[in-house]
Amino acid sequence: MNLKSIYGIKKKFRVYLDKGSSLKERFLSFKRNKYEVRTVLDGVSFEVDRGEAVGLIGHNGCGKSTLLKLLTRIMYPNEGSIEIK
C-alpha cells in the first residue's frame, strides 16, 4: 500500500530580471515586467510505502525544499500528480 505517490512532477517559477526596490520604481519602468521561466523540478517520480524513510540529498538550488513544499501542499505542481493516503 503506497502512502505517497509522486508522478511526473514539474514545477516552474518566474524570475523577474530587474526588480524595483520601491513601489514607485516598479511603476516607472516597463522593462521590469521582463522575466524568465526557470524549471526547478522536471519529471520527478517516486513512491513511499508505509514504514519507509526517504532522504533528499543534493546541491543548493536543486529543488529539495520545493519538493517538500509540494508534498505538504504549500505549493502546487505545474504538471504531474501527488497522491497522499
PDB file of N, CA and C in Angstrom:
ATOM      1  N   MET A   1       0.841  -1.182   0.000  1.00  0.00           N
ATOM      2  CA  MET A   1       0.000   0.000   0.000  1.00  0.00           C
ATOM      3  C   MET A   1       0.884   1.242   0.000  1.00  0.00           C
ATOM      4  N   ASN A   2       0.767   2.069  -1.013  1.00  0.00           N
ATOM      5  CA  ASN A   2       1.557   3.286  -1.129  1.00  0.00           C
ATOM      6  C   ASN A   2       0.909   4.411  -0.347  1.00  0.00           C
ATOM      7  N   LEU A   3       1.681   5.044   0.516  1.00  0.00           N
ATOM      8  CA  LEU A   3       1.170   6.190   1.247  1.00  0.00           C
ATOM      9  C   LEU A   3       1.339   7.474   0.450  1.00  0.00           C
ATOM     10  N   LYS A   4       2.455   7.578  -0.257  1.00  0.00           N
ATOM     11  CA  LYS A   4       2.690   8.757  -1.088  1.00  0.00           C
ATOM     12  C   LYS A   4       3.178   8.301  -2.454  1.00  0.00           C
ATOM     13  N   SER A   5       2.536   8.816  -3.487  1.00  0.00           N
ATOM     14  CA  SER A   5       2.945   8.524  -4.856  1.00  0.00           C
ATOM     15  C   SER A   5       3.093   9.836  -5.596  1.00  0.00           C
ATOM     16  N   ILE A   6       4.236  10.039  -6.204  1.00  0.00           N
ATOM     17  CA  ILE A   6       4.520  11.260  -6.954  1.00  0.00           C
ATOM     18  C   ILE A   6       4.815  10.839  -8.383  1.00  0.00           C
ATOM     19  N   TYR A   7       4.076  11.386  -9.335  1.00  0.00           N
ATOM     20  CA  TYR A   7       4.219  11.001 -10.742  1.00  0.00           C
ATOM     21  C   TYR A   7       4.472  12.231 -11.615  1.00  0.00           C
ATOM     22  N   GLY A   8       5.618  12.292 -12.247  1.00  0.00           N
ATOM     23  CA  GLY A   8       5.917  13.298 -13.260  1.00  0.00           C
ATOM     24  C   GLY A   8       5.768  14.732 -12.799  1.00  0.00           C
ATOM     25  N   ILE A   9       6.267  15.064 -11.620  1.00  0.00           N
ATOM     26  CA  ILE A   9       6.116  16.417 -11.081  1.00  0.00           C
ATOM     27  C   ILE A   9       7.003  17.388 -11.842  1.00  0.00           C
ATOM     28  N   LYS A  10       6.409  18.502 -12.256  1.00  0.00           N
ATOM     29  CA  LYS A  10       7.151  19.605 -12.862  1.00  0.00           C
ATOM     30  C   LYS A  10       6.749  20.896 -12.156  1.00  0.00           C
ATOM     31  N   LYS A  11       7.736  21.704 -11.804  1.00  0.00           N
ATOM     32  CA  LYS A  11       7.475  22.979 -11.159  1.00  0.00           C
ATOM     33  C   LYS A  11       8.338  24.041 -11.802  1.00  0.00           C
ATOM     34  N   LYS A  12       7.705  25.138 -12.204  1.00  0.00           N
ATOM     35  CA  LYS A  12       8.394  26.256 -12.853  1.00  0.00           C
ATOM     36  C   LYS A  12       8.101  27.535 -12.080  1.00  0.00           C
ATOM     37  N   PHE A  13       9.072  28.452 -12.079  1.00  0.00           N
ATOM     38  CA  PHE A  13       8.927  29.744 -11.434  1.00  0.00           C
ATOM     39  C   PHE A  13       9.273  30.849 -12.413  1.00  0.00           C
ATOM     40  N   ARG A  14       8.647  32.005 -12.232  1.00  0.00           N
ATOM     41  CA  ARG A  14       9.026  33.205 -12.974  1.00  0.00           C
ATOM     42  C   ARG A  14      10.061  33.956 -12.161  1.00  0.00           C
ATOM     43  N   VAL A  15      11.199  34.256 -12.769  1.00  0.00           N
ATOM     44  CA  VAL A  15      12.240  35.040 -12.122  1.00  0.00           C
ATOM     45  C   VAL A  15      12.342  36.358 -12.883  1.00  0.00           C
ATOM     46  N   TYR A  16      11.962  37.438 -12.204  1.00  0.00           N
ATOM     47  CA  TYR A  16      11.983  38.751 -12.836  1.00  0.00           C
ATOM     48  C   TYR A  16      13.417  39.245 -12.917  1.00  0.00           C
ATOM     49  N   LEU A  17      13.776  39.801 -14.081  1.00  0.00           N
ATOM     50  CA  LEU A  17      15.158  40.178 -14.349  1.00  0.00           C
ATOM     51  C   LEU A  17      15.579  41.418 -13.576  1.00  0.00           C
ATOM     52  N   ASP A  18      14.695  42.400 -13.417  1.00  0.00           N
ATOM     53  CA  ASP A  18      15.044  43.640 -12.734  1.00  0.00           C
ATOM     54  C   ASP A  18      13.914  44.017 -11.798  1.00  0.00           C
ATOM     55  N   LYS A  19      14.141  43.830 -10.512  1.00  0.00           N
ATOM     56  CA  LYS A  19      13.120  44.153  -9.533  1.00  0.00           C
ATOM     57  C   LYS A  19      13.350  45.573  -9.032  1.00  0.00           C
ATOM     58  N   GLY A  20      12.302  46.342  -8.965  1.00  0.00           N
ATOM     59  CA  GLY A  20      12.399  47.672  -8.383  1.00  0.00           C
ATOM     60  C   GLY A  20      12.416  47.564  -6.868  1.00  0.00           C
ATOM     61  N   SER A  21      13.175  48.458  -6.234  1.00  0.00           N
ATOM     62  CA  SER A  21      13.265  48.387  -4.778  1.00  0.00           C
ATOM     63  C   SER A  21      12.094  49.093  -4.099  1.00  0.00           C
ATOM     64  N   SER A  22      11.405  49.964  -4.818  1.00  0.00           N
ATOM     65  CA  SER A  22      10.254  50.645  -4.232  1.00  0.00           C
ATOM     66  C   SER A  22       9.066  50.533  -5.181  1.00  0.00           C
ATOM     67  N   LEU A  23       7.902  50.846  -4.662  1.00  0.00           N
ATOM     68  CA  LEU A  23       6.687  50.793  -5.477  1.00  0.00           C
ATOM     69  C   LEU A  23       6.767  51.792  -6.623  1.00  0.00           C
ATOM     70  N   LYS A  24       7.330  52.953  -6.370  1.00  0.00           N
ATOM     71  CA  LYS A  24       7.484  53.990  -7.403  1.00  0.00           C
ATOM     72  C   LYS A  24       8.363  53.495  -8.553  1.00  0.00           C
ATOM     73  N   GLU A  25       9.472  52.850  -8.232  1.00  0.00           N
ATOM     74  CA  GLU A  25      10.371  52.333  -9.270  1.00  0.00           C
ATOM     75  C   GLU A  25       9.710  51.249 -10.104  1.00  0.00           C
ATOM     76  N   ARG A  26       8.856  50.461  -9.509  1.00  0.00           N
ATOM     77  CA  ARG A  26       8.175  49.394 -10.245  1.00  0.00           C
ATOM     78  C   ARG A  26       7.200  49.950 -11.273  1.00  0.00           C
ATOM     79  N   PHE A  27       6.549  51.053 -10.950  1.00  0.00           N
ATOM     80  CA  PHE A  27       5.587  51.638 -11.878  1.00  0.00           C
ATOM     81  C   PHE A  27       6.235  52.478 -12.966  1.00  0.00           C
ATOM     82  N   LEU A  28       7.407  53.064 -12.706  1.00  0.00           N
ATOM     83  CA  LEU A  28       8.039  53.948 -13.675  1.00  0.00           C
ATOM     84  C   LEU A  28       8.720  53.215 -14.822  1.00  0.00           C
ATOM     85  N   SER A  29       9.135  52.002 -14.622  1.00  0.00           N
ATOM     86  CA  SER A  29       9.862  51.275 -15.657  1.00  0.00           C
ATOM     87  C   SER A  29       9.029  50.100 -16.161  1.00  0.00           C
ATOM     88  N   PHE A  30       8.834  50.060 -17.488  1.00  0.00           N
ATOM     89  CA  PHE A  30       8.045  48.982 -18.080  1.00  0.00           C
ATOM     90  C   PHE A  30       8.872  47.719 -18.306  1.00  0.00           C
ATOM     91  N   LYS A  31      10.188  47.863 -18.428  1.00  0.00           N
ATOM     92  CA  LYS A  31      11.004  46.671 -18.665  1.00  0.00           C
ATOM     93  C   LYS A  31      11.174  45.821 -17.419  1.00  0.00           C
ATOM     94  N   ARG A  32      10.689  46.284 -16.302  1.00  0.00           N
ATOM     95  CA  ARG A  32      10.750  45.480 -15.078  1.00  0.00           C
ATOM     96  C   ARG A  32       9.811  44.279 -15.154  1.00  0.00           C
ATOM     97  N   ASN A  33       8.920  44.277 -16.125  1.00  0.00           N
ATOM     98  CA  ASN A  33       7.997  43.161 -16.280  1.00  0.00           C
ATOM     99  C   ASN A  33       8.620  41.992 -17.030  1.00  0.00           C
ATOM    100  N   LYS A  34       9.871  42.125 -17.465  1.00  0.00           N
ATOM    101  CA  LYS A  34      10.533  41.032 -18.174  1.00  0.00           C
ATOM    102  C   LYS A  34      10.977  39.969 -17.177  1.00  0.00           C
ATOM    103  N   TYR A  35      10.731  38.734 -17.542  1.00  0.00           N
ATOM    104  CA  TYR A  35      11.091  37.626 -16.664  1.00  0.00           C
ATOM    105  C   TYR A  35      11.511  36.442 -17.498  1.00  0.00           C
ATOM    106  N   GLU A  36      12.166  35.510 -16.839  1.00  0.00           N
ATOM    107  CA  GLU A  36      12.482  34.237 -17.474  1.00  0.00           C
ATOM    108  C   GLU A  36      11.863  33.128 -16.640  1.00  0.00           C
ATOM    109  N   VAL A  37      11.494  32.058 -17.297  1.00  0.00           N
ATOM    110  CA  VAL A  37      10.879  30.924 -16.614  1.00  0.00           C
ATOM    111  C   VAL A  37      11.972  29.916 -16.305  1.00  0.00           C
ATOM    112  N   ARG A  38      12.090  29.558 -15.018  1.00  0.00           N
ATOM    113  CA  ARG A  38      13.089  28.577 -14.599  1.00  0.00           C
ATOM    114  C   ARG A  38      12.381  27.315 -14.128  1.00  0.00           C
ATOM    115  N   THR A  39      12.824  26.198 -14.659  1.00  0.00           N
ATOM    116  CA  THR A  39      12.275  24.910 -14.265  1.00  0.00           C
ATOM    117  C   THR A  39      13.090  24.383 -13.091  1.00  0.00           C
ATOM    118  N   VAL A  40      12.412  24.168 -11.966  1.00  0.00           N
ATOM    119  CA  VAL A  40      13.087  23.698 -10.759  1.00  0.00           C
ATOM    120  C   VAL A  40      13.028  22.174 -10.671  1.00  0.00           C
ATOM    121  N   LEU A  41      11.857  21.607 -10.909  1.00  0.00           N
ATOM    122  CA  LEU A  41      11.687  20.153 -10.912  1.00  0.00           C
ATOM    123  C   LEU A  41      11.151  19.738 -12.271  1.00  0.00           C
ATOM    124  N   ASP A  42      11.716  18.688 -12.838  1.00  0.00           N
ATOM    125  CA  ASP A  42      11.323  18.274 -14.181  1.00  0.00           C
ATOM    126  C   ASP A  42      11.174  16.753 -14.232  1.00  0.00           C
ATOM    127  N   GLY A  43       9.938  16.276 -14.085  1.00  0.00           N
ATOM    128  CA  GLY A  43       9.656  14.857 -14.236  1.00  0.00           C
ATOM    129  C   GLY A  43      10.069  13.989 -13.058  1.00  0.00           C
ATOM    130  N   VAL A  44       9.889  14.468 -11.849  1.00  0.00           N
ATOM    131  CA  VAL A  44      10.253  13.698 -10.655  1.00  0.00           C
ATOM    132  C   VAL A  44       9.141  12.705 -10.332  1.00  0.00           C
ATOM    133  N   SER A  45       9.507  11.442 -10.118  1.00  0.00           N
ATOM    134  CA  SER A  45       8.541  10.395  -9.771  1.00  0.00           C
ATOM    135  C   SER A  45       9.147   9.463  -8.726  1.00  0.00           C
ATOM    136  N   PHE A  46       8.360   9.122  -7.704  1.00  0.00           N
ATOM    137  CA  PHE A  46       8.756   8.103  -6.739  1.00  0.00           C
ATOM    138  C   PHE A  46       7.555   7.715  -5.893  1.00  0.00           C
ATOM    139  N   GLU A  47       7.708   6.607  -5.157  1.00  0.00           N
ATOM    140  CA  GLU A  47       6.661   6.118  -4.263  1.00  0.00           C
ATOM    141  C   GLU A  47       7.274   5.827  -2.902  1.00  0.00           C
ATOM    142  N   VAL A  48       6.517   6.075  -1.848  1.00  0.00           N
ATOM    143  CA  VAL A  48       6.958   5.808  -0.482  1.00  0.00           C
ATOM    144  C   VAL A  48       5.901   4.941   0.180  1.00  0.00           C
ATOM    145  N   ASP A  49       6.310   3.764   0.651  1.00  0.00           N
ATOM    146  CA  ASP A  49       5.393   2.848   1.326  1.00  0.00           C
ATOM    147  C   ASP A  49       5.414   3.088   2.834  1.00  0.00           C
ATOM    148  N   ARG A  50       4.442   2.511   3.498  1.00  0.00           N
ATOM    149  CA  ARG A  50       4.338   2.621   4.954  1.00  0.00           C
ATOM    150  C   ARG A  50       5.619   2.084   5.606  1.00  0.00           C
ATOM    151  N   GLY A  51       6.169   2.851   6.543  1.00  0.00           N
ATOM    152  CA  GLY A  51       7.359   2.438   7.271  1.00  0.00           C
ATOM    153  C   GLY A  51       8.668   2.795   6.599  1.00  0.00           C
ATOM    154  N   GLU A  52       8.649   3.287   5.372  1.00  0.00           N
ATOM    155  CA  GLU A  52       9.875   3.664   4.675  1.00  0.00           C
ATOM    156  C   GLU A  52      10.277   5.096   5.035  1.00  0.00           C
ATOM    157  N   ALA A  53      11.561   5.350   4.980  1.00  0.00           N
ATOM    158  CA  ALA A  53      12.108   6.689   5.188  1.00  0.00           C
ATOM    159  C   ALA A  53      12.796   7.124   3.903  1.00  0.00           C
ATOM    160  N   VAL A  54      12.696   8.412   3.597  1.00  0.00           N
ATOM    161  CA  VAL A  54      13.288   8.958   2.382  1.00  0.00           C
ATOM    162  C   VAL A  54      14.148  10.152   2.760  1.00  0.00           C
ATOM    163  N   GLY A  55      15.331  10.239   2.181  1.00  0.00           N
ATOM    164  CA  GLY A  55      16.212  11.383   2.389  1.00  0.00           C
ATOM    165  C   GLY A  55      16.412  12.125   1.075  1.00  0.00           C
ATOM    166  N   LEU A  56      16.404  13.443   1.133  1.00  0.00           N
ATOM    167  CA  LEU A  56      16.647  14.269  -0.051  1.00  0.00           C
ATOM    168  C   LEU A  56      18.047  14.861   0.051  1.00  0.00           C
ATOM    169  N   ILE A  57      18.886  14.510  -0.901  1.00  0.00           N
ATOM    170  CA  ILE A  57      20.273  14.963  -0.902  1.00  0.00           C
ATOM    171  C   ILE A  57      20.537  15.653  -2.226  1.00  0.00           C
ATOM    172  N   GLY A  58      21.221  16.793  -2.186  1.00  0.00           N
ATOM    173  CA  GLY A  58      21.567  17.474  -3.423  1.00  0.00           C
ATOM    174  C   GLY A  58      22.241  18.804  -3.151  1.00  0.00           C
ATOM    175  N   HIS A  59      22.686  19.437  -4.221  1.00  0.00           N
ATOM    176  CA  HIS A  59      23.358  20.730  -4.139  1.00  0.00           C
ATOM    177  C   HIS A  59      22.337  21.833  -3.843  1.00  0.00           C
ATOM    178  N   ASN A  60      22.858  22.999  -3.487  1.00  0.00           N
ATOM    179  CA  ASN A  60      21.995  24.159  -3.286  1.00  0.00           C
ATOM    180  C   ASN A  60      21.267  24.500  -4.586  1.00  0.00           C
ATOM    181  N   GLY A  61      19.974  24.756  -4.475  1.00  0.00           N
ATOM    182  CA  GLY A  61      19.197  25.157  -5.641  1.00  0.00           C
ATOM    183  C   GLY A  61      18.724  24.024  -6.519  1.00  0.00           C
ATOM    184  N   CYS A  62      18.787  22.782  -6.046  1.00  0.00           N
ATOM    185  CA  CYS A  62      18.380  21.662  -6.900  1.00  0.00           C
ATOM    186  C   CYS A  62      16.913  21.271  -6.720  1.00  0.00           C
ATOM    187  N   GLY A  63      16.189  21.908  -5.757  1.00  0.00           N
ATOM    188  CA  GLY A  63      14.759  21.666  -5.655  1.00  0.00           C
ATOM    189  C   GLY A  63      14.304  20.853  -4.459  1.00  0.00           C
ATOM    190  N   LYS A  64      15.182  20.634  -3.478  1.00  0.00           N
ATOM    191  CA  LYS A  64      14.804  19.835  -2.299  1.00  0.00           C
ATOM    192  C   LYS A  64      13.674  20.495  -1.520  1.00  0.00           C
ATOM    193  N   SER A  65      13.819  21.765  -1.201  1.00  0.00           N
ATOM    194  CA  SER A  65      12.783  22.482  -0.435  1.00  0.00           C
ATOM    195  C   SER A  65      11.502  22.621  -1.237  1.00  0.00           C
ATOM    196  N   THR A  66      11.623  22.821  -2.526  1.00  0.00           N
ATOM    197  CA  THR A  66      10.439  22.921  -3.380  1.00  0.00           C
ATOM    198  C   THR A  66       9.661  21.618  -3.374  1.00  0.00           C
ATOM    199  N   LEU A  67      10.355  20.493  -3.441  1.00  0.00           N
ATOM    200  CA  LEU A  67       9.692  19.195  -3.399  1.00  0.00           C
ATOM    201  C   LEU A  67       8.971  18.990  -2.065  1.00  0.00           C
ATOM    202  N   LEU A  68       9.595  19.377  -0.956  1.00  0.00           N
ATOM    203  CA  LEU A  68       8.945  19.262   0.348  1.00  0.00           C
ATOM    204  C   LEU A  68       7.711  20.157   0.442  1.00  0.00           C
ATOM    205  N   LYS A  69       7.782  21.348  -0.137  1.00  0.00           N
ATOM    206  CA  LYS A  69       6.617  22.243  -0.139  1.00  0.00           C
ATOM    207  C   LYS A  69       5.482  21.671  -0.983  1.00  0.00           C
ATOM    208  N   LEU A  70       5.823  20.981  -2.062  1.00  0.00           N
ATOM    209  CA  LEU A  70       4.799  20.326  -2.873  1.00  0.00           C
ATOM    210  C   LEU A  70       4.152  19.179  -2.099  1.00  0.00           C
ATOM    211  N   LEU A  71       4.946  18.412  -1.365  1.00  0.00           N
ATOM    212  CA  LEU A  71       4.415  17.287  -0.596  1.00  0.00           C
ATOM    213  C   LEU A  71       3.497  17.746   0.533  1.00  0.00           C
ATOM    214  N   THR A  72       3.787  18.890   1.114  1.00  0.00           N
ATOM    215  CA  THR A  72       2.966  19.403   2.212  1.00  0.00           C
ATOM    216  C   THR A  72       1.850  20.326   1.725  1.00  0.00           C
ATOM    217  N   ARG A  73       1.721  20.468   0.416  1.00  0.00           N
ATOM    218  CA  ARG A  73       0.679  21.269  -0.230  1.00  0.00           C
ATOM    219  C   ARG A  73       0.748  22.752   0.112  1.00  0.00           C
ATOM    220  N   ILE A  74       1.955  23.244   0.362  1.00  0.00           N
ATOM    221  CA  ILE A  74       2.170  24.682   0.478  1.00  0.00           C
ATOM    222  C   ILE A  74       2.190  25.275  -0.920  1.00  0.00           C
ATOM    223  N   MET A  75       2.759  24.530  -1.878  1.00  0.00           N
ATOM    224  CA  MET A  75       2.772  24.887  -3.300  1.00  0.00           C
ATOM    225  C   MET A  75       2.122  23.754  -4.075  1.00  0.00           C
ATOM    226  N   TYR A  76       1.790  24.041  -5.322  1.00  0.00           N
ATOM    227  CA  TYR A  76       1.187  23.031  -6.190  1.00  0.00           C
ATOM    228  C   TYR A  76       2.010  22.906  -7.463  1.00  0.00           C
ATOM    229  N   PRO A  77       2.112  21.693  -8.028  1.00  0.00           N
ATOM    230  CA  PRO A  77       2.928  21.492  -9.231  1.00  0.00           C
ATOM    231  C   PRO A  77       2.253  22.064 -10.466  1.00  0.00           C
ATOM    232  N   ASN A  78       3.080  22.416 -11.470  1.00  0.00           N
ATOM    233  CA  ASN A  78       2.554  22.841 -12.765  1.00  0.00           C
ATOM    234  C   ASN A  78       2.042  21.657 -13.554  1.00  0.00           C
ATOM    235  N   GLU A  79       2.692  20.515 -13.418  1.00  0.00           N
ATOM    236  CA  GLU A  79       2.285  19.285 -14.089  1.00  0.00           C
ATOM    237  C   GLU A  79       2.538  18.114 -13.151  1.00  0.00           C
ATOM    238  N   GLY A  80       1.850  17.014 -13.388  1.00  0.00           N
ATOM    239  CA  GLY A  80       2.039  15.817 -12.587  1.00  0.00           C
ATOM    240  C   GLY A  80       1.002  15.709 -11.484  1.00  0.00           C
ATOM    241  N   SER A  81       1.149  14.656 -10.669  1.00  0.00           N
ATOM    242  CA  SER A  81       0.183  14.437  -9.594  1.00  0.00           C
ATOM    243  C   SER A  81       0.884  13.930  -8.340  1.00  0.00           C
ATOM    244  N   ILE A  82       0.293  14.285  -7.199  1.00  0.00           N
ATOM    245  CA  ILE A  82       0.768  13.827  -5.908  1.00  0.00           C
ATOM    246  C   ILE A  82      -0.429  13.200  -5.196  1.00  0.00           C
ATOM    247  N   GLU A  83      -0.293  11.913  -4.840  1.00  0.00           N
ATOM    248  CA  GLU A  83      -1.360  11.202  -4.133  1.00  0.00           C
ATOM    249  C   GLU A  83      -0.849  10.876  -2.734  1.00  0.00           C
ATOM    250  N   ILE A  84      -1.571  11.358  -1.715  1.00  0.00           N
ATOM    251  CA  ILE A  84      -1.202  11.105  -0.328  1.00  0.00           C
ATOM    252  C   ILE A  84      -2.376  10.415   0.353  1.00  0.00           C
ATOM    253  N   LYS A  85      -2.117   9.250   0.948  1.00  0.00           N
ATOM    254  CA  LYS A  85      -3.168   8.498   1.647  1.00  0.00           C
ATOM    255  C   LYS A  85      -2.915   8.551   3.132  1.00  0.00           C
TER     256      LYS A  85
END
